[in-house]
PDB file of all heavy atoms in Angstrom:
ATOM      1  N   ARG A   1      25.547  29.215 -36.484  1.00  0.00           N
ATOM      2  CA  ARG A   1      25.147  29.843 -35.162  1.00  0.00           C
ATOM      3  C   ARG A   1      24.421  28.917 -34.243  1.00  0.00           C
ATOM      4  O   ARG A   1      24.635  28.968 -32.997  1.00  0.00           O
ATOM      5  CB  ARG A   1      24.243  31.013 -35.543  1.00  0.00           C
ATOM      6  CG  ARG A   1      23.615  31.833 -34.352  1.00  0.00           C
ATOM      7  CD  ARG A   1      22.698  32.956 -34.895  1.00  0.00           C
ATOM      8  NE  ARG A   1      22.082  33.600 -33.822  1.00  0.00           N
ATOM      9  CZ  ARG A   1      22.554  34.421 -33.036  1.00  0.00           C
ATOM     10  NH1 ARG A   1      23.766  34.812 -33.244  1.00  0.00           N
ATOM     11  NH2 ARG A   1      21.832  34.980 -32.081  1.00  0.00           N
ATOM     12  N   ASP A   2      23.689  27.998 -34.803  1.00  0.00           N
ATOM     13  CA  ASP A   2      22.914  26.985 -33.951  1.00  0.00           C
ATOM     14  C   ASP A   2      23.757  25.843 -33.511  1.00  0.00           C
ATOM     15  O   ASP A   2      23.314  25.067 -32.654  1.00  0.00           O
ATOM     16  CB  ASP A   2      21.766  26.555 -34.785  1.00  0.00           C
ATOM     17  CG  ASP A   2      20.682  27.558 -35.016  1.00  0.00           C
ATOM     18  OD1 ASP A   2      20.730  28.515 -34.303  1.00  0.00           O
ATOM     19  OD2 ASP A   2      19.924  27.405 -35.932  1.00  0.00           O
ATOM     20  N   SER A   3      24.980  25.668 -34.100  1.00  0.00           N
ATOM     21  CA  SER A   3      25.816  24.502 -33.748  1.00  0.00           C
ATOM     22  C   SER A   3      26.375  24.605 -32.318  1.00  0.00           C
ATOM     23  O   SER A   3      26.786  25.704 -31.857  1.00  0.00           O
ATOM     24  CB  SER A   3      26.973  24.397 -34.760  1.00  0.00           C
ATOM     25  OG  SER A   3      27.789  23.292 -34.362  1.00  0.00           O
ATOM     26  N   LYS A   4      26.365  23.527 -31.620  1.00  0.00           N
ATOM     27  CA  LYS A   4      26.933  23.444 -30.264  1.00  0.00           C
ATOM     28  C   LYS A   4      28.385  23.114 -30.328  1.00  0.00           C
ATOM     29  O   LYS A   4      29.035  23.008 -29.268  1.00  0.00           O
ATOM     30  CB  LYS A   4      26.194  22.528 -29.413  1.00  0.00           C
ATOM     31  CG  LYS A   4      24.679  22.725 -29.312  1.00  0.00           C
ATOM     32  CD  LYS A   4      24.370  24.055 -28.783  1.00  0.00           C
ATOM     33  CE  LYS A   4      22.752  24.395 -28.692  1.00  0.00           C
ATOM     34  NZ  LYS A   4      22.582  25.762 -28.358  1.00  0.00           N
ATOM     35  N   LEU A   5      28.929  22.797 -31.527  1.00  0.00           N
ATOM     36  CA  LEU A   5      30.202  22.350 -31.680  1.00  0.00           C
ATOM     37  C   LEU A   5      31.138  23.386 -32.221  1.00  0.00           C
ATOM     38  O   LEU A   5      30.624  24.412 -32.860  1.00  0.00           O
ATOM     39  CB  LEU A   5      30.294  21.160 -32.656  1.00  0.00           C
ATOM     40  CG  LEU A   5      29.634  19.869 -32.196  1.00  0.00           C
ATOM     41  CD1 LEU A   5      29.528  18.874 -33.344  1.00  0.00           C
ATOM     42  CD2 LEU A   5      30.289  19.224 -30.958  1.00  0.00           C
ATOM     43  N   PRO A   6      32.481  23.412 -32.139  1.00  0.00           N
ATOM     44  CA  PRO A   6      33.292  24.245 -32.864  1.00  0.00           C
ATOM     45  C   PRO A   6      33.120  24.113 -34.328  1.00  0.00           C
ATOM     46  O   PRO A   6      32.853  23.024 -34.817  1.00  0.00           O
ATOM     47  CB  PRO A   6      34.739  23.786 -32.588  1.00  0.00           C
ATOM     48  CG  PRO A   6      34.618  23.088 -31.215  1.00  0.00           C
ATOM     49  CD  PRO A   6      33.237  22.462 -31.251  1.00  0.00           C
ATOM     50  N   VAL A   7      33.067  25.245 -35.123  1.00  0.00           N
ATOM     51  CA  VAL A   7      32.547  25.263 -36.488  1.00  0.00           C
ATOM     52  C   VAL A   7      33.695  25.706 -37.413  1.00  0.00           C
ATOM     53  O   VAL A   7      34.437  26.693 -37.183  1.00  0.00           O
ATOM     54  CB  VAL A   7      31.356  26.228 -36.580  1.00  0.00           C
ATOM     55  CG1 VAL A   7      30.975  26.323 -38.112  1.00  0.00           C
ATOM     56  CG2 VAL A   7      30.198  25.707 -35.838  1.00  0.00           C
ATOM     57  N   LEU A   8      33.721  25.059 -38.658  1.00  0.00           N
ATOM     58  CA  LEU A   8      34.495  25.609 -39.850  1.00  0.00           C
ATOM     59  C   LEU A   8      33.546  25.760 -40.936  1.00  0.00           C
ATOM     60  O   LEU A   8      32.690  24.850 -41.161  1.00  0.00           O
ATOM     61  CB  LEU A   8      35.599  24.546 -40.177  1.00  0.00           C
ATOM     62  CG  LEU A   8      36.687  24.182 -39.165  1.00  0.00           C
ATOM     63  CD1 LEU A   8      37.449  23.057 -39.734  1.00  0.00           C
ATOM     64  CD2 LEU A   8      37.560  25.422 -38.925  1.00  0.00           C
ATOM     65  N   VAL A   9      33.664  26.884 -41.636  1.00  0.00           N
ATOM     66  CA  VAL A   9      32.906  27.041 -42.880  1.00  0.00           C
ATOM     67  C   VAL A   9      33.973  27.324 -43.994  1.00  0.00           C
ATOM     68  O   VAL A   9      34.731  28.289 -43.747  1.00  0.00           O
ATOM     69  CB  VAL A   9      31.816  28.178 -42.789  1.00  0.00           C
ATOM     70  CG1 VAL A   9      31.276  28.331 -44.202  1.00  0.00           C
ATOM     71  CG2 VAL A   9      30.872  27.892 -41.726  1.00  0.00           C
ATOM     72  N   ILE A  10      33.937  26.574 -45.000  1.00  0.00           N
ATOM     73  CA  ILE A  10      34.921  26.664 -45.960  1.00  0.00           C
ATOM     74  C   ILE A  10      34.278  26.624 -47.460  1.00  0.00           C
ATOM     75  O   ILE A  10      33.229  26.059 -47.649  1.00  0.00           O
ATOM     76  CB  ILE A  10      35.977  25.468 -45.941  1.00  0.00           C
ATOM     77  CG1 ILE A  10      35.369  24.149 -46.139  1.00  0.00           C
ATOM     78  CG2 ILE A  10      36.645  25.502 -44.667  1.00  0.00           C
ATOM     79  CD1 ILE A  10      36.437  23.068 -46.161  1.00  0.00           C
ATOM     80  N   GLY A  11      34.985  27.241 -48.357  1.00  0.00           N
ATOM     81  CA  GLY A  11      34.518  27.132 -49.776  1.00  0.00           C
ATOM     82  C   GLY A  11      34.795  28.440 -50.542  1.00  0.00           C
ATOM     83  O   GLY A  11      35.395  29.383 -50.096  1.00  0.00           O
ATOM     84  N   ASP A  12      34.331  28.364 -51.850  1.00  0.00           N
ATOM     85  CA  ASP A  12      34.342  29.498 -52.720  1.00  0.00           C
ATOM     86  C   ASP A  12      32.943  30.197 -52.618  1.00  0.00           C
ATOM     87  O   ASP A  12      32.007  29.656 -53.006  1.00  0.00           O
ATOM     88  CB  ASP A  12      34.646  29.034 -54.167  1.00  0.00           C
ATOM     89  CG  ASP A  12      34.476  30.158 -55.259  1.00  0.00           C
ATOM     90  OD1 ASP A  12      34.235  31.253 -54.956  1.00  0.00           O
ATOM     91  OD2 ASP A  12      34.559  29.777 -56.337  1.00  0.00           O
ATOM     92  N   PHE A  13      32.978  31.341 -51.949  1.00  0.00           N
ATOM     93  CA  PHE A  13      31.691  32.069 -51.673  1.00  0.00           C
ATOM     94  C   PHE A  13      31.266  32.912 -52.945  1.00  0.00           C
ATOM     95  O   PHE A  13      30.150  33.384 -52.864  1.00  0.00           O
ATOM     96  CB  PHE A  13      31.801  33.048 -50.513  1.00  0.00           C
ATOM     97  CG  PHE A  13      31.804  32.324 -49.120  1.00  0.00           C
ATOM     98  CD1 PHE A  13      32.268  31.019 -49.000  1.00  0.00           C
ATOM     99  CD2 PHE A  13      31.436  33.083 -48.091  1.00  0.00           C
ATOM    100  CE1 PHE A  13      32.245  30.419 -47.760  1.00  0.00           C
ATOM    101  CE2 PHE A  13      31.334  32.459 -46.812  1.00  0.00           C
ATOM    102  CZ  PHE A  13      31.798  31.194 -46.661  1.00  0.00           C
ATOM    103  N   ASN A  14      32.151  33.065 -53.964  1.00  0.00           N
ATOM    104  CA  ASN A  14      31.912  33.896 -55.105  1.00  0.00           C
ATOM    105  C   ASN A  14      31.575  35.385 -54.506  1.00  0.00           C
ATOM    106  O   ASN A  14      30.710  36.015 -55.102  1.00  0.00           O
ATOM    107  CB  ASN A  14      30.733  33.419 -55.945  1.00  0.00           C
ATOM    108  CG  ASN A  14      31.287  32.346 -56.924  1.00  0.00           C
ATOM    109  OD1 ASN A  14      32.226  32.589 -57.597  1.00  0.00           O
ATOM    110  ND2 ASN A  14      30.566  31.262 -56.984  1.00  0.00           N
ATOM    111  N   ASP A  15      32.276  35.765 -53.465  1.00  0.00           N
ATOM    112  CA  ASP A  15      32.041  36.979 -52.803  1.00  0.00           C
ATOM    113  C   ASP A  15      33.352  37.292 -52.117  1.00  0.00           C
ATOM    114  O   ASP A  15      34.042  36.520 -51.562  1.00  0.00           O
ATOM    115  CB  ASP A  15      30.868  36.943 -51.907  1.00  0.00           C
ATOM    116  CG  ASP A  15      30.341  38.345 -51.526  1.00  0.00           C
ATOM    117  OD1 ASP A  15      30.637  39.308 -52.302  1.00  0.00           O
ATOM    118  OD2 ASP A  15      29.769  38.549 -50.474  1.00  0.00           O
ATOM    119  N   VAL A  16      33.661  38.673 -52.192  1.00  0.00           N
ATOM    120  CA  VAL A  16      34.913  39.194 -51.469  1.00  0.00           C
ATOM    121  C   VAL A  16      34.657  39.295 -50.024  1.00  0.00           C
ATOM    122  O   VAL A  16      33.668  39.342 -49.456  1.00  0.00           O
ATOM    123  CB  VAL A  16      35.294  40.523 -52.023  1.00  0.00           C
ATOM    124  CG1 VAL A  16      35.841  40.359 -53.401  1.00  0.00           C
ATOM    125  CG2 VAL A  16      34.110  41.524 -52.086  1.00  0.00           C
ATOM    126  N   ALA A  17      35.812  39.279 -49.280  1.00  0.00           N
ATOM    127  CA  ALA A  17      35.807  39.269 -47.847  1.00  0.00           C
ATOM    128  C   ALA A  17      35.103  40.473 -47.208  1.00  0.00           C
ATOM    129  O   ALA A  17      34.581  40.461 -46.136  1.00  0.00           O
ATOM    130  CB  ALA A  17      37.285  39.170 -47.233  1.00  0.00           C
ATOM    131  N   TRP A  18      35.252  41.696 -47.947  1.00  0.00           N
ATOM    132  CA  TRP A  18      34.778  42.872 -47.337  1.00  0.00           C
ATOM    133  C   TRP A  18      33.413  43.309 -47.718  1.00  0.00           C
ATOM    134  O   TRP A  18      32.894  44.352 -47.355  1.00  0.00           O
ATOM    135  CB  TRP A  18      35.767  44.046 -47.695  1.00  0.00           C
ATOM    136  CG  TRP A  18      35.962  44.091 -49.140  1.00  0.00           C
ATOM    137  CD1 TRP A  18      35.166  44.572 -50.160  1.00  0.00           C
ATOM    138  CD2 TRP A  18      37.123  43.681 -49.819  1.00  0.00           C
ATOM    139  NE1 TRP A  18      35.801  44.415 -51.394  1.00  0.00           N
ATOM    140  CE2 TRP A  18      36.955  43.891 -51.246  1.00  0.00           C
ATOM    141  CE3 TRP A  18      38.344  43.079 -49.372  1.00  0.00           C
ATOM    142  CZ2 TRP A  18      37.926  43.530 -52.239  1.00  0.00           C
ATOM    143  CZ3 TRP A  18      39.317  42.788 -50.389  1.00  0.00           C
ATOM    144  CH2 TRP A  18      39.096  42.946 -51.668  1.00  0.00           C
ATOM    145  N   SER A  19      32.709  42.604 -48.520  1.00  0.00           N
ATOM    146  CA  SER A  19      31.328  42.897 -49.047  1.00  0.00           C
ATOM    147  C   SER A  19      30.351  42.995 -47.900  1.00  0.00           C
ATOM    148  O   SER A  19      30.517  42.329 -46.811  1.00  0.00           O
ATOM    149  CB  SER A  19      30.794  41.912 -50.080  1.00  0.00           C
ATOM    150  OG  SER A  19      30.379  40.681 -49.537  1.00  0.00           O
ATOM    151  N   GLU A  20      29.193  43.594 -48.136  1.00  0.00           N
ATOM    152  CA  GLU A  20      28.219  43.576 -47.156  1.00  0.00           C
ATOM    153  C   GLU A  20      27.540  42.233 -46.825  1.00  0.00           C
ATOM    154  O   GLU A  20      27.240  41.837 -45.777  1.00  0.00           O
ATOM    155  CB  GLU A  20      27.024  44.535 -47.617  1.00  0.00           C
ATOM    156  CG  GLU A  20      27.445  46.036 -47.553  1.00  0.00           C
ATOM    157  CD  GLU A  20      27.784  46.629 -46.216  1.00  0.00           C
ATOM    158  OE1 GLU A  20      27.152  46.241 -45.204  1.00  0.00           O
ATOM    159  OE2 GLU A  20      28.818  47.374 -46.115  1.00  0.00           O
ATOM    160  N   SER A  21      27.527  41.390 -47.976  1.00  0.00           N
ATOM    161  CA  SER A  21      27.008  40.034 -47.760  1.00  0.00           C
ATOM    162  C   SER A  21      27.859  39.192 -46.886  1.00  0.00           C
ATOM    163  O   SER A  21      27.402  38.529 -45.987  1.00  0.00           O
ATOM    164  CB  SER A  21      26.682  39.418 -49.125  1.00  0.00           C
ATOM    165  OG  SER A  21      25.871  40.157 -50.011  1.00  0.00           O
ATOM    166  N   THR A  22      29.176  39.106 -47.210  1.00  0.00           N
ATOM    167  CA  THR A  22      30.082  38.359 -46.386  1.00  0.00           C
ATOM    168  C   THR A  22      30.129  38.985 -44.941  1.00  0.00           C
ATOM    169  O   THR A  22      30.302  38.197 -44.013  1.00  0.00           O
ATOM    170  CB  THR A  22      31.442  38.223 -47.045  1.00  0.00           C
ATOM    171  OG1 THR A  22      31.345  37.689 -48.332  1.00  0.00           O
ATOM    172  CG2 THR A  22      32.376  37.499 -46.243  1.00  0.00           C
ATOM    173  N   ALA A  23      30.191  40.197 -44.760  1.00  0.00           N
ATOM    174  CA  ALA A  23      30.151  40.762 -43.419  1.00  0.00           C
ATOM    175  C   ALA A  23      28.910  40.325 -42.727  1.00  0.00           C
ATOM    176  O   ALA A  23      29.068  40.043 -41.446  1.00  0.00           O
ATOM    177  CB  ALA A  23      30.185  42.264 -43.583  1.00  0.00           C
ATOM    178  N   LEU A  24      27.709  40.323 -43.322  1.00  0.00           N
ATOM    179  CA  LEU A  24      26.482  39.852 -42.644  1.00  0.00           C
ATOM    180  C   LEU A  24      26.604  38.396 -42.299  1.00  0.00           C
ATOM    181  O   LEU A  24      26.241  38.073 -41.156  1.00  0.00           O
ATOM    182  CB  LEU A  24      25.321  40.212 -43.550  1.00  0.00           C
ATOM    183  CG  LEU A  24      24.004  39.908 -42.866  1.00  0.00           C
ATOM    184  CD1 LEU A  24      23.696  40.729 -41.724  1.00  0.00           C
ATOM    185  CD2 LEU A  24      22.807  40.159 -43.983  1.00  0.00           C
ATOM    186  N   PHE A  25      27.153  37.736 -43.223  1.00  0.00           N
ATOM    187  CA  PHE A  25      27.269  36.190 -42.872  1.00  0.00           C
ATOM    188  C   PHE A  25      28.144  36.055 -41.670  1.00  0.00           C
ATOM    189  O   PHE A  25      27.878  35.305 -40.868  1.00  0.00           O
ATOM    190  CB  PHE A  25      27.975  35.487 -44.095  1.00  0.00           C
ATOM    191  CG  PHE A  25      28.577  34.174 -43.801  1.00  0.00           C
ATOM    192  CD1 PHE A  25      27.866  33.086 -43.760  1.00  0.00           C
ATOM    193  CD2 PHE A  25      30.008  34.048 -43.531  1.00  0.00           C
ATOM    194  CE1 PHE A  25      28.396  31.771 -43.425  1.00  0.00           C
ATOM    195  CE2 PHE A  25      30.594  32.906 -43.157  1.00  0.00           C
ATOM    196  CZ  PHE A  25      29.845  31.814 -43.186  1.00  0.00           C
ATOM    197  N   LYS A  26      29.264  36.694 -41.634  1.00  0.00           N
ATOM    198  CA  LYS A  26      30.202  36.650 -40.576  1.00  0.00           C
ATOM    199  C   LYS A  26      29.535  37.116 -39.246  1.00  0.00           C
ATOM    200  O   LYS A  26      29.764  36.537 -38.105  1.00  0.00           O
ATOM    201  CB  LYS A  26      31.449  37.504 -40.895  1.00  0.00           C
ATOM    202  CG  LYS A  26      32.681  37.362 -39.893  1.00  0.00           C
ATOM    203  CD  LYS A  26      33.877  38.084 -40.649  1.00  0.00           C
ATOM    204  CE  LYS A  26      34.940  38.263 -39.687  1.00  0.00           C
ATOM    205  NZ  LYS A  26      34.657  39.269 -38.587  1.00  0.00           N
ATOM    206  N   ASN A  27      28.835  38.144 -39.217  1.00  0.00           N
ATOM    207  CA  ASN A  27      28.146  38.592 -38.086  1.00  0.00           C
ATOM    208  C   ASN A  27      27.134  37.629 -37.583  1.00  0.00           C
ATOM    209  O   ASN A  27      27.171  37.275 -36.325  1.00  0.00           O
ATOM    210  CB  ASN A  27      27.471  40.001 -38.314  1.00  0.00           C
ATOM    211  CG  ASN A  27      28.439  41.179 -38.608  1.00  0.00           C
ATOM    212  OD1 ASN A  27      28.146  41.972 -39.417  1.00  0.00           O
ATOM    213  ND2 ASN A  27      29.385  41.179 -37.855  1.00  0.00           N
ATOM    214  N   VAL A  28      26.214  37.132 -38.426  1.00  0.00           N
ATOM    215  CA  VAL A  28      25.187  36.256 -38.049  1.00  0.00           C
ATOM    216  C   VAL A  28      25.771  34.908 -37.627  1.00  0.00           C
ATOM    217  O   VAL A  28      25.275  34.311 -36.564  1.00  0.00           O
ATOM    218  CB  VAL A  28      24.207  36.045 -39.192  1.00  0.00           C
ATOM    219  CG1 VAL A  28      23.193  34.962 -38.817  1.00  0.00           C
ATOM    220  CG2 VAL A  28      23.515  37.338 -39.429  1.00  0.00           C
ATOM    221  N   SER A  29      26.666  34.374 -38.294  1.00  0.00           N
ATOM    222  CA  SER A  29      27.371  33.078 -37.832  1.00  0.00           C
ATOM    223  C   SER A  29      28.164  33.175 -36.655  1.00  0.00           C
ATOM    224  O   SER A  29      28.406  32.138 -36.025  1.00  0.00           O
ATOM    225  CB  SER A  29      28.235  32.600 -39.074  1.00  0.00           C
ATOM    226  OG  SER A  29      29.216  33.405 -39.244  1.00  0.00           O
ATOM    227  N   GLU A  30      28.570  34.351 -36.252  1.00  0.00           N
ATOM    228  CA  GLU A  30      29.602  34.652 -35.272  1.00  0.00           C
ATOM    229  C   GLU A  30      30.851  33.787 -35.439  1.00  0.00           C
ATOM    230  O   GLU A  30      31.431  33.264 -34.517  1.00  0.00           O
ATOM    231  CB  GLU A  30      28.976  34.236 -33.815  1.00  0.00           C
ATOM    232  CG  GLU A  30      27.706  35.187 -33.531  1.00  0.00           C
ATOM    233  CD  GLU A  30      27.250  34.893 -32.100  1.00  0.00           C
ATOM    234  OE1 GLU A  30      28.073  34.952 -31.167  1.00  0.00           O
ATOM    235  OE2 GLU A  30      25.926  34.701 -31.931  1.00  0.00           O
ATOM    236  N   LEU A  31      31.276  33.878 -36.677  1.00  0.00           N
ATOM    237  CA  LEU A  31      32.590  33.250 -37.000  1.00  0.00           C
ATOM    238  C   LEU A  31      33.655  34.301 -37.233  1.00  0.00           C
ATOM    239  O   LEU A  31      33.355  35.472 -37.227  1.00  0.00           O
ATOM    240  CB  LEU A  31      32.430  32.408 -38.279  1.00  0.00           C
ATOM    241  CG  LEU A  31      31.467  31.189 -38.149  1.00  0.00           C
ATOM    242  CD1 LEU A  31      31.379  30.473 -39.574  1.00  0.00           C
ATOM    243  CD2 LEU A  31      31.873  30.167 -37.068  1.00  0.00           C
ATOM    244  N   LEU A  32      34.911  33.838 -37.261  1.00  0.00           N
ATOM    245  CA  LEU A  32      36.019  34.671 -37.349  1.00  0.00           C
ATOM    246  C   LEU A  32      36.767  34.473 -38.638  1.00  0.00           C
ATOM    247  O   LEU A  32      36.772  33.316 -39.190  1.00  0.00           O
ATOM    248  CB  LEU A  32      36.997  34.454 -36.186  1.00  0.00           C
ATOM    249  CG  LEU A  32      36.329  34.587 -34.774  1.00  0.00           C
ATOM    250  CD1 LEU A  32      37.450  34.047 -33.775  1.00  0.00           C
ATOM    251  CD2 LEU A  32      35.995  35.969 -34.508  1.00  0.00           C
ATOM    252  N   ASP A  33      37.450  35.452 -39.134  1.00  0.00           N
ATOM    253  CA  ASP A  33      38.196  35.460 -40.457  1.00  0.00           C
ATOM    254  C   ASP A  33      39.650  35.335 -40.145  1.00  0.00           C
ATOM    255  O   ASP A  33      40.235  36.153 -39.586  1.00  0.00           O
ATOM    256  CB  ASP A  33      37.807  36.698 -41.224  1.00  0.00           C
ATOM    257  CG  ASP A  33      38.460  36.594 -42.643  1.00  0.00           C
ATOM    258  OD1 ASP A  33      39.244  35.821 -42.901  1.00  0.00           O
ATOM    259  OD2 ASP A  33      37.880  37.417 -43.535  1.00  0.00           O
ATOM    260  N   LEU A  34      40.286  34.175 -40.766  1.00  0.00           N
ATOM    261  CA  LEU A  34      41.769  33.984 -40.430  1.00  0.00           C
ATOM    262  C   LEU A  34      42.649  35.108 -41.030  1.00  0.00           C
ATOM    263  O   LEU A  34      43.736  35.408 -40.456  1.00  0.00           O
ATOM    264  CB  LEU A  34      42.199  32.725 -41.065  1.00  0.00           C
ATOM    265  CG  LEU A  34      41.448  31.432 -40.752  1.00  0.00           C
ATOM    266  CD1 LEU A  34      41.976  30.252 -41.521  1.00  0.00           C
ATOM    267  CD2 LEU A  34      41.485  31.147 -39.211  1.00  0.00           C
ATOM    268  N   ARG A  35      42.080  35.770 -41.996  1.00  0.00           N
ATOM    269  CA  ARG A  35      42.932  36.744 -42.847  1.00  0.00           C
ATOM    270  C   ARG A  35      43.051  38.018 -42.063  1.00  0.00           C
ATOM    271  O   ARG A  35      44.058  38.783 -42.365  1.00  0.00           O
ATOM    272  CB  ARG A  35      42.330  36.954 -44.145  1.00  0.00           C
ATOM    273  CG  ARG A  35      42.497  35.768 -45.104  1.00  0.00           C
ATOM    274  CD  ARG A  35      41.488  35.907 -46.225  1.00  0.00           C
ATOM    275  NE  ARG A  35      40.078  36.025 -45.827  1.00  0.00           N
ATOM    276  CZ  ARG A  35      39.063  35.710 -46.492  1.00  0.00           C
ATOM    277  NH1 ARG A  35      39.176  35.288 -47.812  1.00  0.00           N
ATOM    278  NH2 ARG A  35      37.779  35.902 -46.039  1.00  0.00           N
ATOM    279  N   ILE A  36      42.187  38.446 -41.173  1.00  0.00           N
ATOM    280  CA  ILE A  36      42.215  39.637 -40.483  1.00  0.00           C
ATOM    281  C   ILE A  36      43.518  39.874 -39.704  1.00  0.00           C
ATOM    282  O   ILE A  36      43.783  38.921 -38.927  1.00  0.00           O
ATOM    283  CB  ILE A  36      41.010  39.995 -39.675  1.00  0.00           C
ATOM    284  CG1 ILE A  36      39.752  40.114 -40.687  1.00  0.00           C
ATOM    285  CG2 ILE A  36      41.160  41.111 -38.818  1.00  0.00           C
ATOM    286  CD1 ILE A  36      38.501  40.414 -39.904  1.00  0.00           C
ATOM    287  N   GLY A  37      44.324  40.863 -40.074  1.00  0.00           N
ATOM    288  CA  GLY A  37      45.564  41.039 -39.419  1.00  0.00           C
ATOM    289  C   GLY A  37      46.677  40.285 -40.178  1.00  0.00           C
ATOM    290  O   GLY A  37      47.879  40.480 -39.758  1.00  0.00           O
ATOM    291  N   ARG A  38      46.370  39.569 -41.138  1.00  0.00           N
ATOM    292  CA  ARG A  38      47.423  38.634 -41.835  1.00  0.00           C
ATOM    293  C   ARG A  38      47.556  39.065 -43.271  1.00  0.00           C
ATOM    294  O   ARG A  38      48.704  39.091 -43.869  1.00  0.00           O
ATOM    295  CB  ARG A  38      47.145  37.256 -41.696  1.00  0.00           C
ATOM    296  CG  ARG A  38      47.218  36.714 -40.263  1.00  0.00           C
ATOM    297  CD  ARG A  38      46.961  35.245 -40.099  1.00  0.00           C
ATOM    298  NE  ARG A  38      47.300  34.809 -38.813  1.00  0.00           N
ATOM    299  CZ  ARG A  38      46.529  34.758 -37.749  1.00  0.00           C
ATOM    300  NH1 ARG A  38      45.280  35.245 -37.919  1.00  0.00           N
ATOM    301  NH2 ARG A  38      46.922  34.400 -36.638  1.00  0.00           N
ATOM    302  N   GLY A  39      46.500  39.410 -44.030  1.00  0.00           N
ATOM    303  CA  GLY A  39      46.687  39.682 -45.501  1.00  0.00           C
ATOM    304  C   GLY A  39      45.417  39.369 -46.164  1.00  0.00           C
ATOM    305  O   GLY A  39      44.540  38.680 -45.706  1.00  0.00           O
ATOM    306  N   LEU A  40      45.348  39.791 -47.508  1.00  0.00           N
ATOM    307  CA  LEU A  40      44.231  39.527 -48.289  1.00  0.00           C
ATOM    308  C   LEU A  40      44.113  38.085 -48.809  1.00  0.00           C
ATOM    309  O   LEU A  40      43.066  37.588 -48.907  1.00  0.00           O
ATOM    310  CB  LEU A  40      44.216  40.507 -49.503  1.00  0.00           C
ATOM    311  CG  LEU A  40      43.926  41.955 -49.181  1.00  0.00           C
ATOM    312  CD1 LEU A  40      44.222  42.818 -50.409  1.00  0.00           C
ATOM    313  CD2 LEU A  40      42.426  42.033 -48.734  1.00  0.00           C
TER     314      LEU A  40
END
């Protein structure tokens, strides 16, 4: 969120895409999920 540059976050989160934790990560970071509209 604080970065002034375009951002990539990658890795094994040990968490599923739809969980409350990952959803909160996504909201706070203001990042986007490539899979949405494409598949699991």
